[in-house]
Amino acid sequence: MCMVMKKRVLFMRTTGLVQRLQVARRELGLEAAITKLDKYQLLILDDIAYVTKDQAETSVSVRADRRPL
């Protein structure tokens, strides 16, 4: 359906996204990493139940939750 509507979609494992954002945060590039994700209208995350949150992940997720849908 998204292809028919010409929407940009990113499908990836949740752990991969969290790791990518953690590296960006450590390297002071979190804002740029989130900006790259903004080009997608839909993010499909796999294995969300297997991700555990630590303090760094929580701060990343709180930041991402503030983005408008």
PDB file of N, CA and C in Angstrom:
ATOM      1  N   MET A   1       0.810  -1.186   0.000  1.00  0.00           N
ATOM      2  CA  MET A   1       0.000   0.000   0.000  1.00  0.00           C
ATOM      3  C   MET A   1       0.865   1.267   0.000  1.00  0.00           C
ATOM      4  N   CYS A   2       1.932   1.270   0.805  1.00  0.00           N
ATOM      5  CA  CYS A   2       2.796   2.453   0.861  1.00  0.00           C
ATOM      6  C   CYS A   2       3.480   2.707  -0.476  1.00  0.00           C
ATOM      7  N   MET A   3       3.808   1.637  -1.189  1.00  0.00           N
ATOM      8  CA  MET A   3       4.446   1.813  -2.494  1.00  0.00           C
ATOM      9  C   MET A   3       3.475   2.449  -3.474  1.00  0.00           C
ATOM     10  N   VAL A   4       2.229   2.057  -3.392  1.00  0.00           N
ATOM     11  CA  VAL A   4       1.211   2.634  -4.262  1.00  0.00           C
ATOM     12  C   VAL A   4       1.039   4.121  -3.950  1.00  0.00           C
ATOM     13  N   MET A   5       1.122   4.460  -2.673  1.00  0.00           N
ATOM     14  CA  MET A   5       0.955   5.845  -2.249  1.00  0.00           C
ATOM     15  C   MET A   5       2.262   6.623  -2.344  1.00  0.00           C
ATOM     16  N   LYS A   6       3.345   5.964  -2.760  1.00  0.00           N
ATOM     17  CA  LYS A   6       4.671   6.580  -2.920  1.00  0.00           C
ATOM     18  C   LYS A   6       5.175   7.209  -1.626  1.00  0.00           C
ATOM     19  N   LYS A   7       5.094   6.441  -0.572  1.00  0.00           N
ATOM     20  CA  LYS A   7       5.607   6.864   0.730  1.00  0.00           C
ATOM     21  C   LYS A   7       6.982   6.240   0.944  1.00  0.00           C
ATOM     22  N   ARG A   8       7.867   6.983   1.589  1.00  0.00           N
ATOM     23  CA  ARG A   8       9.195   6.457   1.912  1.00  0.00           C
ATOM     24  C   ARG A   8       9.093   5.629   3.189  1.00  0.00           C
ATOM     25  N   VAL A   9       9.552   4.380   3.110  1.00  0.00           N
ATOM     26  CA  VAL A   9       9.428   3.439   4.212  1.00  0.00           C
ATOM     27  C   VAL A   9      10.800   2.886   4.563  1.00  0.00           C
ATOM     28  N   LEU A  10      11.087   2.789   5.859  1.00  0.00           N
ATOM     29  CA  LEU A  10      12.312   2.148   6.333  1.00  0.00           C
ATOM     30  C   LEU A  10      11.910   0.973   7.199  1.00  0.00           C
ATOM     31  N   PHE A  11      12.406  -0.215   6.857  1.00  0.00           N
ATOM     32  CA  PHE A  11      12.165  -1.419   7.642  1.00  0.00           C
ATOM     33  C   PHE A  11      13.500  -1.871   8.196  1.00  0.00           C
ATOM     34  N   MET A  12      13.595  -2.002   9.508  1.00  0.00           N
ATOM     35  CA  MET A  12      14.840  -2.481  10.106  1.00  0.00           C
ATOM     36  C   MET A  12      14.552  -3.087  11.475  1.00  0.00           C
ATOM     37  N   ARG A  13      15.535  -3.810  11.976  1.00  0.00           N
ATOM     38  CA  ARG A  13      15.403  -4.383  13.313  1.00  0.00           C
ATOM     39  C   ARG A  13      15.516  -3.275  14.355  1.00  0.00           C
ATOM     40  N   THR A  14      14.737  -3.401  15.389  1.00  0.00           N
ATOM     41  CA  THR A  14      14.739  -2.412  16.461  1.00  0.00           C
ATOM     42  C   THR A  14      16.114  -2.292  17.087  1.00  0.00           C
ATOM     43  N   THR A  15      16.760  -3.426  17.320  1.00  0.00           N
ATOM     44  CA  THR A  15      18.092  -3.390  17.933  1.00  0.00           C
ATOM     45  C   THR A  15      19.071  -2.623  17.054  1.00  0.00           C
ATOM     46  N   GLY A  16      18.969  -2.767  15.751  1.00  0.00           N
ATOM     47  CA  GLY A  16      19.849  -2.045  14.831  1.00  0.00           C
ATOM     48  C   GLY A  16      19.626  -0.548  14.907  1.00  0.00           C
ATOM     49  N   LEU A  17      18.374  -0.140  14.982  1.00  0.00           N
ATOM     50  CA  LEU A  17      18.068   1.287  15.086  1.00  0.00           C
ATOM     51  C   LEU A  17      18.574   1.852  16.410  1.00  0.00           C
ATOM     52  N   VAL A  18      18.343   1.132  17.495  1.00  0.00           N
ATOM     53  CA  VAL A  18      18.792   1.603  18.811  1.00  0.00           C
ATOM     54  C   VAL A  18      20.316   1.713  18.825  1.00  0.00           C
ATOM     55  N   GLN A  19      20.994   0.719  18.292  1.00  0.00           N
ATOM     56  CA  GLN A  19      22.462   0.760  18.249  1.00  0.00           C
ATOM     57  C   GLN A  19      22.948   1.936  17.410  1.00  0.00           C
ATOM     58  N   ARG A  20      22.317   2.158  16.270  1.00  0.00           N
ATOM     59  CA  ARG A  20      22.697   3.275  15.403  1.00  0.00           C
ATOM     60  C   ARG A  20      22.534   4.611  16.130  1.00  0.00           C
ATOM     61  N   LEU A  21      21.422   4.765  16.839  1.00  0.00           N
ATOM     62  CA  LEU A  21      21.164   6.011  17.560  1.00  0.00           C
ATOM     63  C   LEU A  21      22.099   6.174  18.761  1.00  0.00           C
ATOM     64  N   GLN A  22      22.448   5.070  19.404  1.00  0.00           N
ATOM     65  CA  GLN A  22      23.395   5.152  20.524  1.00  0.00           C
ATOM     66  C   GLN A  22      24.774   5.596  20.043  1.00  0.00           C
ATOM     67  N   VAL A  23      25.224   5.041  18.921  1.00  0.00           N
ATOM     68  CA  VAL A  23      26.517   5.451  18.358  1.00  0.00           C
ATOM     69  C   VAL A  23      26.475   6.927  17.988  1.00  0.00           C
ATOM     70  N   ALA A  24      25.395   7.345  17.349  1.00  0.00           N
ATOM     71  CA  ALA A  24      25.253   8.758  16.967  1.00  0.00           C
ATOM     72  C   ALA A  24      25.280   9.655  18.200  1.00  0.00           C
ATOM     73  N   ARG A  25      24.637   9.225  19.262  1.00  0.00           N
ATOM     74  CA  ARG A  25      24.619  10.017  20.498  1.00  0.00           C
ATOM     75  C   ARG A  25      26.022  10.129  21.086  1.00  0.00           C
ATOM     76  N   ARG A  26      26.749   9.013  21.130  1.00  0.00           N
ATOM     77  CA  ARG A  26      28.117   9.032  21.655  1.00  0.00           C
ATOM     78  C   ARG A  26      29.022   9.933  20.832  1.00  0.00           C
ATOM     79  N   GLU A  27      28.780   9.967  19.524  1.00  0.00           N
ATOM     80  CA  GLU A  27      29.612  10.765  18.616  1.00  0.00           C
ATOM     81  C   GLU A  27      29.044  12.173  18.411  1.00  0.00           C
ATOM     82  N   LEU A  28      28.079  12.532  19.245  1.00  0.00           N
ATOM     83  CA  LEU A  28      27.433  13.852  19.203  1.00  0.00           C
ATOM     84  C   LEU A  28      26.757  14.132  17.861  1.00  0.00           C
ATOM     85  N   GLY A  29      26.217  13.096  17.269  1.00  0.00           N
ATOM     86  CA  GLY A  29      25.536  13.249  15.986  1.00  0.00           C
ATOM     87  C   GLY A  29      24.092  12.794  16.027  1.00  0.00           C
ATOM     88  N   LEU A  30      23.484  12.817  17.218  1.00  0.00           N
ATOM     89  CA  LEU A  30      22.110  12.326  17.354  1.00  0.00           C
ATOM     90  C   LEU A  30      21.124  13.157  16.533  1.00  0.00           C
ATOM     91  N   GLU A  31      21.277  14.454  16.560  1.00  0.00           N
ATOM     92  CA  GLU A  31      20.366  15.322  15.796  1.00  0.00           C
ATOM     93  C   GLU A  31      20.420  14.993  14.302  1.00  0.00           C
ATOM     94  N   ALA A  32      21.614  14.789  13.774  1.00  0.00           N
ATOM     95  CA  ALA A  32      21.771  14.444  12.351  1.00  0.00           C
ATOM     96  C   ALA A  32      21.162  13.078  12.052  1.00  0.00           C
ATOM     97  N   ALA A  33      21.335  12.126  12.960  1.00  0.00           N
ATOM     98  CA  ALA A  33      20.775  10.785  12.760  1.00  0.00           C
ATOM     99  C   ALA A  33      19.252  10.831  12.748  1.00  0.00           C
ATOM    100  N   ILE A  34      18.681  11.623  13.629  1.00  0.00           N
ATOM    101  CA  ILE A  34      17.221  11.757  13.666  1.00  0.00           C
ATOM    102  C   ILE A  34      16.727  12.487  12.422  1.00  0.00           C
ATOM    103  N   THR A  35      17.473  13.459  11.963  1.00  0.00           N
ATOM    104  CA  THR A  35      17.110  14.179  10.742  1.00  0.00           C
ATOM    105  C   THR A  35      17.077  13.227   9.546  1.00  0.00           C
ATOM    106  N   LYS A  36      18.029  12.301   9.486  1.00  0.00           N
ATOM    107  CA  LYS A  36      18.034  11.301   8.405  1.00  0.00           C
ATOM    108  C   LYS A  36      16.783  10.433   8.467  1.00  0.00           C
ATOM    109  N   LEU A  37      16.349  10.102   9.672  1.00  0.00           N
ATOM    110  CA  LEU A  37      15.139   9.287   9.816  1.00  0.00           C
ATOM    111  C   LEU A  37      13.884  10.069   9.440  1.00  0.00           C
ATOM    112  N   ASP A  38      13.935  11.377   9.568  1.00  0.00           N
ATOM    113  CA  ASP A  38      12.774  12.216   9.249  1.00  0.00           C
ATOM    114  C   ASP A  38      12.354  12.137   7.787  1.00  0.00           C
ATOM    115  N   LYS A  39      13.235  11.684   6.910  1.00  0.00           N
ATOM    116  CA  LYS A  39      12.872  11.621   5.491  1.00  0.00           C
ATOM    117  C   LYS A  39      11.904  10.471   5.195  1.00  0.00           C
ATOM    118  N   TYR A  40      11.736   9.576   6.153  1.00  0.00           N
ATOM    119  CA  TYR A  40      10.806   8.455   5.982  1.00  0.00           C
ATOM    120  C   TYR A  40       9.453   8.807   6.584  1.00  0.00           C
ATOM    121  N   GLN A  41       8.394   8.463   5.869  1.00  0.00           N
ATOM    122  CA  GLN A  41       7.053   8.688   6.385  1.00  0.00           C
ATOM    123  C   GLN A  41       6.603   7.531   7.283  1.00  0.00           C
ATOM    124  N   LEU A  42       7.281   6.380   7.144  1.00  0.00           N
ATOM    125  CA  LEU A  42       6.897   5.199   7.921  1.00  0.00           C
ATOM    126  C   LEU A  42       8.144   4.432   8.324  1.00  0.00           C
ATOM    127  N   LEU A  43       8.270   4.150   9.612  1.00  0.00           N
ATOM    128  CA  LEU A  43       9.335   3.287  10.124  1.00  0.00           C
ATOM    129  C   LEU A  43       8.693   1.997  10.607  1.00  0.00           C
ATOM    130  N   ILE A  44       9.158   0.874  10.072  1.00  0.00           N
ATOM    131  CA  ILE A  44       8.671  -0.429  10.514  1.00  0.00           C
ATOM    132  C   ILE A  44       9.812  -1.081  11.273  1.00  0.00           C
ATOM    133  N   LEU A  45       9.580  -1.338  12.570  1.00  0.00           N
ATOM    134  CA  LEU A  45      10.617  -1.890  13.429  1.00  0.00           C
ATOM    135  C   LEU A  45      10.257  -3.320  13.809  1.00  0.00           C
ATOM    136  N   ASP A  46      11.218  -4.218  13.636  1.00  0.00           N
ATOM    137  CA  ASP A  46      11.040  -5.634  13.917  1.00  0.00           C
ATOM    138  C   ASP A  46      11.698  -5.971  15.249  1.00  0.00           C
ATOM    139  N   ASP A  47      11.171  -6.937  15.954  1.00  0.00           N
ATOM    140  CA  ASP A  47      11.732  -7.450  17.209  1.00  0.00           C
ATOM    141  C   ASP A  47      11.660  -6.457  18.344  1.00  0.00           C
ATOM    142  N   ILE A  48      10.657  -5.628  18.378  1.00  0.00           N
ATOM    143  CA  ILE A  48      10.576  -4.600  19.415  1.00  0.00           C
ATOM    144  C   ILE A  48      10.487  -5.195  20.823  1.00  0.00           C
ATOM    145  N   ALA A  49       9.939  -6.371  20.961  1.00  0.00           N
ATOM    146  CA  ALA A  49       9.801  -6.991  22.281  1.00  0.00           C
ATOM    147  C   ALA A  49      11.137  -7.431  22.867  1.00  0.00           C
ATOM    148  N   TYR A  50      12.160  -7.573  22.042  1.00  0.00           N
ATOM    149  CA  TYR A  50      13.444  -8.083  22.504  1.00  0.00           C
ATOM    150  C   TYR A  50      14.423  -6.990  22.911  1.00  0.00           C
ATOM    151  N   VAL A  51      14.018  -5.753  22.833  1.00  0.00           N
ATOM    152  CA  VAL A  51      14.919  -4.655  23.166  1.00  0.00           C
ATOM    153  C   VAL A  51      14.738  -4.297  24.628  1.00  0.00           C
ATOM    154  N   THR A  52      15.852  -4.216  25.339  1.00  0.00           N
ATOM    155  CA  THR A  52      15.793  -3.753  26.723  1.00  0.00           C
ATOM    156  C   THR A  52      16.273  -2.309  26.757  1.00  0.00           C
ATOM    157  N   LYS A  53      15.713  -1.543  27.645  1.00  0.00           N
ATOM    158  CA  LYS A  53      16.071  -0.128  27.723  1.00  0.00           C
ATOM    159  C   LYS A  53      17.083   0.095  28.839  1.00  0.00           C
ATOM    160  N   ASP A  54      18.137   0.807  28.518  1.00  0.00           N
ATOM    161  CA  ASP A  54      19.018   1.325  29.550  1.00  0.00           C
ATOM    162  C   ASP A  54      18.859   2.843  29.542  1.00  0.00           C
ATOM    163  N   GLN A  55      19.631   3.550  30.314  1.00  0.00           N
ATOM    164  CA  GLN A  55      19.463   5.006  30.424  1.00  0.00           C
ATOM    165  C   GLN A  55      19.644   5.706  29.077  1.00  0.00           C
ATOM    166  N   ALA A  56      20.648   5.300  28.285  1.00  0.00           N
ATOM    167  CA  ALA A  56      20.898   5.946  26.992  1.00  0.00           C
ATOM    168  C   ALA A  56      19.742   5.709  26.029  1.00  0.00           C
ATOM    169  N   GLU A  57      19.237   4.488  26.003  1.00  0.00           N
ATOM    170  CA  GLU A  57      18.132   4.178  25.103  1.00  0.00           C
ATOM    171  C   GLU A  57      16.878   4.946  25.495  1.00  0.00           C
ATOM    172  N   THR A  58      16.656   5.090  26.785  1.00  0.00           N
ATOM    173  CA  THR A  58      15.482   5.813  27.254  1.00  0.00           C
ATOM    174  C   THR A  58      15.535   7.262  26.810  1.00  0.00           C
ATOM    175  N   SER A  59      16.700   7.891  26.899  1.00  0.00           N
ATOM    176  CA  SER A  59      16.798   9.290  26.482  1.00  0.00           C
ATOM    177  C   SER A  59      16.600   9.433  24.986  1.00  0.00           C
ATOM    178  N   VAL A  60      17.053   8.441  24.209  1.00  0.00           N
ATOM    179  CA  VAL A  60      16.836   8.470  22.761  1.00  0.00           C
ATOM    180  C   VAL A  60      15.359   8.303  22.457  1.00  0.00           C
ATOM    181  N   SER A  61      14.685   7.367  23.131  1.00  0.00           N
ATOM    182  CA  SER A  61      13.282   7.128  22.831  1.00  0.00           C
ATOM    183  C   SER A  61      12.401   8.297  23.268  1.00  0.00           C
ATOM    184  N   VAL A  62      12.741   8.946  24.358  1.00  0.00           N
ATOM    185  CA  VAL A  62      11.965  10.108  24.789  1.00  0.00           C
ATOM    186  C   VAL A  62      12.092  11.213  23.748  1.00  0.00           C
ATOM    187  N   ARG A  63      13.285  11.393  23.228  1.00  0.00           N
ATOM    188  CA  ARG A  63      13.513  12.407  22.202  1.00  0.00           C
ATOM    189  C   ARG A  63      12.703  12.087  20.951  1.00  0.00           C
ATOM    190  N   ALA A  64      12.722  10.833  20.531  1.00  0.00           N
ATOM    191  CA  ALA A  64      12.032  10.433  19.310  1.00  0.00           C
ATOM    192  C   ALA A  64      10.513  10.536  19.490  1.00  0.00           C
ATOM    193  N   ASP A  65      10.010  10.276  20.691  1.00  0.00           N
ATOM    194  CA  ASP A  65       8.572  10.348  20.943  1.00  0.00           C
ATOM    195  C   ASP A  65       8.027  11.754  20.797  1.00  0.00           C
ATOM    196  N   ARG A  66       8.856  12.744  20.870  1.00  0.00           N
ATOM    197  CA  ARG A  66       8.405  14.129  20.763  1.00  0.00           C
ATOM    198  C   ARG A  66       8.199  14.574  19.329  1.00  0.00           C
ATOM    199  N   ARG A  67       8.613  13.757  18.372  1.00  0.00           N
ATOM    200  CA  ARG A  67       8.441  14.094  16.957  1.00  0.00           C
ATOM    201  C   ARG A  67       6.988  13.940  16.566  1.00  0.00           C
ATOM    202  N   PRO A  68       6.450  14.835  15.759  1.00  0.00           N
ATOM    203  CA  PRO A  68       5.066  14.693  15.297  1.00  0.00           C
ATOM    204  C   PRO A  68       4.934  13.528  14.328  1.00  0.00           C
ATOM    205  N   LEU A  69       3.778  12.910  14.324  1.00  0.00           N
ATOM    206  CA  LEU A  69       3.529  11.794  13.416  1.00  0.00           C
ATOM    207  C   LEU A  69       3.128  12.265  12.059  1.00  0.00           C
TER     208      LEU A  69
END
